[in-house]
Protein backbone atom coordinates (compact mmCIF):
# COMPACT_ATOMS: atom_id res chain seq x y z
CA MET A 1 -33.14 21.95 50.82
CA ASN A 2 -29.98 23.60 49.67
CA GLU A 3 -31.06 24.38 46.17
CA SER A 4 -28.79 26.60 44.24
CA LYS A 5 -30.53 29.07 41.99
CA GLU A 6 -27.55 29.27 39.68
CA PRO A 7 -27.91 27.35 36.42
CA ARG A 8 -25.65 24.40 36.00
CA LYS A 9 -22.51 25.20 33.95
CA ARG A 10 -22.01 23.18 30.83
CA GLY A 11 -19.02 22.88 28.58
CA LYS A 12 -19.21 24.39 25.11
CA GLY A 13 -18.36 21.06 23.51
CA GLY A 14 -16.59 20.72 20.22
CA ARG A 15 -12.92 20.97 19.43
CA PRO A 16 -10.66 22.71 21.95
CA PRO A 17 -9.31 26.03 20.65
CA LYS A 18 -5.80 26.14 19.20
CA SER A 19 -3.11 28.00 21.12
CA ASP A 20 -1.83 29.74 17.98
CA PRO A 21 -4.52 29.74 15.29
CA ALA A 22 -3.60 30.67 11.73
CA GLU A 23 -5.83 33.66 11.04
CA ASN A 24 -3.93 35.59 8.37
CA CYS A 25 -4.42 34.82 4.70
CA VAL A 26 -2.17 35.77 1.79
CA MET A 27 -3.17 35.37 -1.84
CA VAL A 28 -0.72 34.63 -4.66
CA ARG A 29 -1.37 34.64 -8.39
CA PHE A 30 0.70 32.56 -10.82
CA SER A 31 1.10 32.68 -14.57
CA ASN A 32 0.23 29.46 -16.40
CA GLU A 33 3.88 28.35 -16.61
CA GLN A 34 4.54 29.20 -12.97
CA TYR A 35 1.42 27.35 -11.85
CA ALA A 36 2.38 24.26 -13.86
CA GLU A 37 5.86 24.32 -12.26
CA PHE A 38 4.28 24.86 -8.83
CA LEU A 39 2.00 21.85 -9.31
CA THR A 40 4.87 19.58 -10.36
CA MET A 41 6.88 20.64 -7.29
CA TYR A 42 3.81 20.13 -5.08
CA GLU A 43 3.12 16.65 -6.47
CA GLN A 44 6.76 15.60 -6.05
CA SER A 45 6.82 16.77 -2.44
CA GLY A 46 4.12 14.40 -1.21
CA VAL A 47 2.63 17.05 1.11
CA ARG A 48 -1.12 16.68 1.61
CA SER A 49 -2.18 20.29 1.13
CA LYS A 50 -0.93 23.11 -1.06
CA ALA A 51 -1.01 25.53 1.89
CA ARG A 52 1.39 23.38 3.92
CA PHE A 53 3.63 23.04 0.88
CA ILE A 54 3.77 26.81 0.40
CA LEU A 55 4.50 27.38 4.10
CA ALA A 56 7.31 24.84 4.01
CA ARG A 57 8.84 26.51 0.94
CA ILE A 58 8.61 30.02 2.40
CA PHE A 59 10.05 29.20 5.81
CA GLY A 60 12.73 26.88 4.47
CA GLU A 61 11.56 23.63 6.01
CA ALA A 62 13.09 20.53 4.48
CA LEU A 63 10.98 19.07 1.71
CA ARG A 64 10.96 15.46 0.79
CA VAL A 65 10.54 14.45 -2.81
CA ILE A 66 8.78 11.20 -3.52
CA LYS A 67 9.31 9.62 -6.91
CA THR A 68 7.43 6.48 -7.76
CA ASP A 69 8.37 4.20 -10.59
CA SER A 70 5.21 3.01 -12.29
CA SER A 71 6.91 -0.18 -13.48
CA ALA A 72 7.82 -1.01 -9.87
CA VAL A 73 4.23 -0.42 -8.75
CA ASP A 74 2.91 -2.64 -11.54
CA PHE A 75 5.45 -5.33 -10.68
CA VAL A 76 4.47 -5.34 -7.01
CA MET A 77 0.76 -5.48 -7.85
CA LYS A 78 1.23 -8.43 -10.20
CA LEU A 79 3.46 -10.16 -7.68
CA SER A 80 0.77 -9.73 -5.01
CA ALA A 81 -1.83 -11.21 -7.35
CA LEU A 82 0.51 -14.14 -8.06
CA TYR A 83 0.94 -14.73 -4.33
CA GLY A 84 -2.85 -14.88 -3.94
CA GLN A 85 -3.11 -17.42 -6.74
CA ILE A 86 -0.38 -19.57 -5.18
CA ARG A 87 -2.29 -19.60 -1.88
CA SER A 88 -5.47 -20.71 -3.65
CA VAL A 89 -3.49 -23.48 -5.41
CA GLY A 90 -2.29 -24.66 -2.00
CA VAL A 91 -5.85 -24.85 -0.70
CA ASN A 92 -6.97 -26.76 -3.80
CA TYR A 93 -3.96 -29.06 -3.47
CA ASN A 94 -5.01 -30.08 0.02
CA GLN A 95 -8.59 -30.68 -1.11
CA VAL A 96 -7.46 -32.83 -4.06
CA VAL A 97 -5.19 -35.02 -1.91
CA LYS A 98 -7.98 -35.53 0.63
CA GLN A 99 -10.46 -36.42 -2.12
CA LEU A 100 -8.03 -38.87 -3.75
CA HIS A 101 -7.60 -40.80 -0.51
CA THR A 102 -11.32 -40.99 0.19
CA THR A 103 -12.58 -41.70 -3.36
CA PHE A 104 -10.07 -43.96 -5.11
CA GLY A 105 -8.31 -47.14 -4.21
CA GLU A 106 -4.77 -47.05 -2.90
CA LYS A 107 -3.07 -47.99 -6.17
CA LYS A 108 -4.97 -45.46 -8.32
CA ALA A 109 -4.58 -42.76 -5.68
CA LEU A 110 -0.80 -43.32 -5.62
CA THR A 111 -0.51 -42.98 -9.42
CA MET A 112 -2.54 -39.76 -9.35
CA LEU A 113 -0.50 -38.46 -6.41
CA TYR A 114 2.67 -39.17 -8.39
CA LYS A 115 1.38 -37.01 -11.27
CA LEU A 116 0.36 -34.32 -8.80
CA GLU A 117 3.83 -34.47 -7.23
CA GLN A 118 5.49 -33.95 -10.64
CA GLU A 119 3.32 -30.90 -11.29
CA THR A 120 4.16 -29.58 -7.82
CA ILE A 121 7.88 -29.91 -8.54
CA GLU A 122 7.35 -27.94 -11.75
CA LEU A 123 5.43 -25.27 -9.82
CA SER A 124 8.22 -24.99 -7.26
CA LYS A 125 10.76 -24.49 -10.09
CA ILE A 126 8.63 -21.67 -11.42
CA GLY A 127 8.45 -20.21 -7.90
CA ARG A 128 12.25 -20.21 -7.67
CA GLU A 129 12.48 -18.46 -11.05
CA VAL A 130 10.03 -15.82 -9.80
CA LEU A 131 12.17 -15.25 -6.70
CA GLN A 132 15.28 -14.87 -8.85
CA LEU A 133 13.48 -12.37 -11.08
CA CYS A 134 12.35 -10.45 -7.97
CA GLU A 135 15.93 -10.23 -6.71
CA GLN A 136 17.14 -9.13 -10.15
CA PHE A 137 14.40 -6.46 -10.33
CA LYS A 138 15.27 -5.29 -6.83
CA LYS A 139 18.94 -4.83 -7.74
CA GLU A 140 18.27 -3.09 -11.05
CA CYS A 141 15.21 -0.95 -10.45
CA LEU A 142 14.80 -0.18 -6.76
CA PRO A 143 17.25 2.21 -5.10
CA GLU A 144 18.65 1.29 -1.71
């Protein structure tokens, strides 16, 4: 019966304290023109918070500037949508070929497969043109 009369110690829980917490606050006021310039610099930097951006500017840390070309973003989005459509065409292609073999006779299935093959060749030509346009866009619009 070794009962200890001391209460059991529990941890505080929560986040562990920082070794060097930022406790000091400084306030800055901008004119309208200065604030507009500040916001453009902040948006170009790609930093998540304005406070971190200001600290980086004051203490001379290197800032990265991110410039996005809206035409490049649109091009990539449309290209992604096209890729999704091509995949769905491939799935439908397989289903059509399977259905042709099970439903029609051999002679009629072969004539329909020939037409399908011609359309597939046309689709592959279009795919090659798309790849050439992608390479051309990459050379002209995207920096290395």
